[in-house]
Protein backbone atom coordinates (compact mmCIF):
# COMPACT_ATOMS: atom_id res chain seq x y z
CA MET A 1 -5.41 11.16 -3.54
CA MET A 2 -2.20 9.69 -2.09
CA ILE A 3 -1.12 10.66 1.41
CA LEU A 4 1.62 9.42 3.68
CA LEU A 5 0.85 7.35 6.74
CA VAL A 6 3.25 6.63 9.56
CA ASP A 7 2.53 3.47 11.58
CA ASP A 8 4.90 2.05 14.20
CA GLY A 9 7.81 3.81 12.53
CA HIS A 10 6.96 2.58 9.03
CA LEU A 11 6.34 5.06 6.24
CA MET A 12 3.72 3.83 3.83
CA ASN A 13 1.10 5.04 1.38
CA ARG A 14 -2.65 5.33 1.82
CA TYR A 15 -5.16 6.11 -0.94
CA PHE A 16 -8.86 5.69 -1.58
CA ASP A 17 -9.67 2.92 -4.08
CA PHE A 18 -12.86 3.51 -6.04
CA HIS A 19 -13.14 -0.16 -7.07
CA PHE A 20 -13.18 -1.44 -3.49
CA HIS A 21 -14.67 1.76 -2.04
CA LYS A 22 -12.15 1.62 0.77
CA ASP A 23 -8.86 3.15 1.77
CA VAL A 24 -5.90 1.01 0.75
CA VAL A 25 -2.63 0.96 2.68
CA THR A 26 0.28 -0.08 0.45
CA ILE A 27 3.26 -1.70 2.15
CA PHE A 28 6.77 -2.09 0.74
CA PRO A 29 9.69 -4.44 1.48
CA GLY A 30 10.50 -4.38 5.18
CA GLU A 31 7.08 -3.11 6.24
CA PHE A 32 4.05 -4.65 7.92
CA TYR A 33 0.59 -3.38 8.80
CA THR A 34 -2.25 -4.61 11.02
CA CYS A 35 -5.83 -3.36 11.12
CA ASP A 36 -9.47 -4.28 11.72
CA GLY A 37 -10.51 -4.24 8.07
CA LYS A 38 -11.68 -0.65 7.72
CA GLU A 39 -9.02 -0.44 5.00
CA LEU A 40 -7.38 -2.95 2.68
CA ILE A 41 -3.67 -3.77 2.71
CA SER A 42 -1.88 -4.08 -0.63
CA THR A 43 1.57 -4.90 -1.94
CA VAL A 44 3.40 -5.98 -5.10
CA LEU A 45 5.61 -9.08 -4.88
CA GLY A 46 8.36 -10.52 -7.00
CA SER A 47 10.80 -12.81 -5.18
CA CYS A 48 9.60 -11.31 -1.89
CA ILE A 49 6.99 -12.95 0.32
CA ALA A 50 3.91 -11.50 1.95
CA VAL A 51 2.26 -13.45 4.76
CA THR A 52 -1.24 -12.50 5.86
CA ILE A 53 -2.28 -13.40 9.39
CA PHE A 54 -5.97 -13.46 10.38
CA ASP A 55 -7.50 -13.60 13.85
CA GLN A 56 -10.62 -15.76 13.49
CA ARG A 57 -12.01 -14.56 16.82
CA LEU A 58 -11.44 -10.80 16.62
CA LYS A 59 -11.79 -10.58 12.81
CA THR A 60 -8.59 -8.55 12.55
CA GLY A 61 -5.34 -9.22 10.78
CA GLY A 62 -2.25 -7.94 9.08
CA MET A 63 0.33 -8.48 6.38
CA ASN A 64 4.10 -8.23 6.10
CA HIS A 65 6.48 -8.05 3.11
CA PHE A 66 10.00 -9.44 3.44
CA MET A 67 12.87 -9.73 0.96
CA LEU A 68 15.04 -12.52 2.36
CA ALA A 69 14.46 -15.32 4.81
CA TYR A 70 17.39 -14.83 7.17
CA CYS A 71 20.22 -12.45 7.94
CA ASN A 72 23.50 -12.82 9.79
CA ASP A 73 25.16 -10.62 12.40
CA TYR A 74 21.89 -9.54 14.07
CA GLU A 75 23.66 -7.07 16.33
CA LYS A 76 24.97 -5.13 13.32
CA LYS A 77 21.51 -4.43 11.89
CA THR A 78 19.59 -1.23 12.45
CA PRO A 79 15.96 -1.57 13.64
CA ASP A 80 14.54 -0.17 10.40
CA CYS A 81 15.92 -3.10 8.38
CA TYR A 82 14.68 -5.99 10.55
CA GLY A 83 11.41 -6.28 8.63
CA ARG A 84 13.26 -7.01 5.39
CA PHE A 85 14.14 -10.47 6.73
CA GLY A 86 11.51 -13.13 7.25
CA ILE A 87 12.84 -14.31 10.59
CA TYR A 88 12.08 -10.86 12.04
CA ALA A 89 9.19 -9.84 9.76
CA MET A 90 7.12 -12.76 11.04
CA GLU A 91 7.82 -11.89 14.67
CA LEU A 92 6.96 -8.23 14.08
CA LEU A 93 3.61 -9.07 12.50
CA ILE A 94 2.54 -11.75 14.97
CA ASN A 95 3.70 -9.80 18.03
CA ASP A 96 1.80 -6.71 16.90
CA LEU A 97 -1.41 -8.74 16.65
CA LEU A 98 -0.78 -10.28 20.08
CA LYS A 99 -0.25 -6.80 21.53
CA LYS A 100 -3.67 -5.83 20.13
CA GLY A 101 -5.42 -8.73 21.86
CA SER A 102 -5.05 -11.70 19.55
CA LYS A 103 -4.34 -15.18 20.89
CA LYS A 104 -2.00 -17.43 18.98
CA GLU A 105 -4.48 -20.30 18.81
CA ASP A 106 -6.90 -18.07 16.87
CA LEU A 107 -4.44 -17.17 14.12
CA VAL A 108 -4.42 -18.55 10.58
CA ALA A 109 -2.24 -17.56 7.62
CA LYS A 110 -1.99 -17.24 3.85
CA VAL A 111 1.28 -17.01 1.89
CA PHE A 112 1.98 -15.19 -1.37
CA GLY A 113 4.90 -14.31 -3.64
CA GLY A 114 8.23 -16.04 -3.99
CA SER A 115 8.50 -15.80 -7.76
CA ASN A 116 11.97 -16.55 -9.08
CA VAL A 117 12.07 -13.30 -11.02
CA LEU A 118 15.78 -12.69 -10.38
CA SER A 119 17.14 -16.14 -11.26
CA THR A 120 18.57 -14.96 -14.60
CA ASP A 121 19.85 -11.54 -13.55
CA GLY A 122 23.55 -10.80 -13.16
CA LYS A 123 25.15 -11.80 -9.89
CA TYR A 124 21.84 -13.32 -8.72
CA LYS A 125 21.73 -15.75 -11.67
CA GLY A 126 20.78 -19.21 -10.47
CA ALA A 127 19.87 -17.97 -7.00
CA LEU A 128 16.31 -19.08 -6.29
CA ILE A 129 15.59 -16.37 -3.75
CA GLY A 130 11.83 -16.69 -4.18
CA GLU A 131 11.88 -20.44 -3.56
CA THR A 132 14.02 -20.01 -0.45
CA ASN A 133 11.66 -17.33 0.87
CA SER A 134 8.61 -19.53 0.27
CA LYS A 135 10.11 -22.54 2.04
CA PHE A 136 11.04 -20.35 4.99
CA ALA A 137 7.50 -18.94 5.34
CA PHE A 138 5.81 -22.35 5.33
CA LYS A 139 8.33 -23.82 7.77
CA TYR A 140 8.08 -20.87 10.14
CA LEU A 141 4.28 -21.07 10.26
CA GLU A 142 4.40 -24.84 10.75
CA ASP A 143 6.84 -24.47 13.64
CA GLU A 144 4.63 -21.79 15.23
CA GLY A 145 1.51 -23.94 14.86
CA ILE A 146 -0.28 -21.40 12.65
CA PRO A 147 -2.30 -23.17 9.92
CA VAL A 148 -1.87 -22.04 6.31
CA LEU A 149 -5.34 -21.82 4.76
CA SER A 150 -4.18 -21.06 1.22
CA SER A 151 -1.17 -19.90 -0.76
CA ASN A 152 -0.04 -18.75 -4.17
CA THR A 153 3.73 -18.91 -4.56
CA GLY A 154 6.45 -19.69 -7.07
CA GLY A 155 6.53 -19.25 -10.82
CA VAL A 156 8.28 -16.38 -12.57
CA LEU A 157 5.64 -13.63 -12.64
CA PRO A 158 5.18 -10.91 -10.03
CA ARG A 159 1.92 -10.61 -8.11
CA LYS A 160 -0.21 -7.80 -6.77
CA ILE A 161 -2.45 -8.58 -3.80
CA PHE A 162 -5.13 -6.83 -1.79
CA TYR A 163 -5.96 -8.16 1.68
CA ASP A 164 -9.12 -7.60 3.74
CA ALA A 165 -8.11 -8.06 7.37
CA SER A 166 -11.73 -8.35 8.56
CA SER A 167 -12.45 -11.48 6.50
CA SER A 168 -9.03 -12.81 5.40
CA LYS A 169 -10.16 -12.44 1.77
CA VAL A 170 -7.39 -11.84 -0.76
CA TRP A 171 -7.62 -10.49 -4.31
CA LEU A 172 -4.62 -11.51 -6.41
CA LYS A 173 -3.48 -10.89 -9.96
CA HIS A 174 -0.30 -11.82 -11.78
CA ILE A 175 1.51 -8.89 -13.35
CA ARG A 176 2.63 -9.42 -16.93
CA SER A 177 3.50 -5.79 -17.59
CA ASP A 178 6.25 -3.83 -15.85
CA VAL A 179 8.12 -7.01 -14.91
CA GLN A 180 11.42 -5.39 -15.77
CA ALA A 181 10.60 -2.38 -13.58
CA LEU A 182 9.92 -4.68 -10.62
CA LYS A 183 13.15 -6.60 -11.27
CA LYS A 184 15.06 -3.34 -11.28
CA MET A 185 13.48 -2.30 -8.00
CA GLU A 186 14.20 -5.65 -6.31
CA LEU A 187 17.78 -5.68 -7.57
CA SER A 188 18.24 -2.19 -6.15
CA TYR A 189 16.89 -3.30 -2.75
CA LEU A 190 19.09 -6.41 -2.72
CA ASP A 191 22.19 -4.53 -3.81
CA ARG A 192 21.69 -2.05 -0.98
CA LEU A 193 21.37 -4.88 1.52
CA HIS A 194 24.45 -6.54 0.08
CA GLU A 195 26.54 -3.40 0.24
CA GLN A 196 25.34 -2.07 3.58
CA GLU A 197 24.86 -5.27 5.54
CA LYS A 198 26.83 -7.94 3.61
CA THR A 199 24.09 -10.57 3.95
CA VAL A 200 22.59 -11.25 0.52
CA GLY A 201 25.44 -13.36 -0.77
CA GLU A 202 25.33 -15.58 2.30
CA VAL A 203 21.56 -15.91 2.47
CA GLN A 204 20.60 -16.58 -1.14
CA LEU A 205 22.50 -19.83 -1.57
CA PHE A 206 21.56 -21.97 1.43
């Protein structure tokens, strides 16, 4: 059964998964979630990136899902869109863990996504958004001194991941079906950002 869950202003989905025998919280672009592992966190990624952060001492963690690495004109953005950009999505995730008692020196990360699924589509043709997102995530974590234990990025296929925040274990599969549906969804997200905030065209090419 699917129900809605509101966490820190984010609207997301929770359901019970009979394979894992746990509740699963599904996050979407612009969202993040932290927990102690009583539930799993899941998302589907195309050109987007999800970073999982694990506290080795407390055995807690979280995951974000961002669409683009950077945005311009920070003061023009509304708070509900900050998480769509890596530069803010990483701060939101890490700061939430710190608020819950984590210490930065105990944190480790894993990085997923960044497929170049949109590189042949319309006005985004040739724009390696996934590659740019991946490079940003690794550089950000390096600058923050958070080790990356493992990663699965790049390529052209979308991914679905499940994350156990109590152990940092990740289940991942590449999605070969419904690729066009995911492309359509990502294009819709990016077009909305482009029209409402005028940032996509500036971000995708640097």
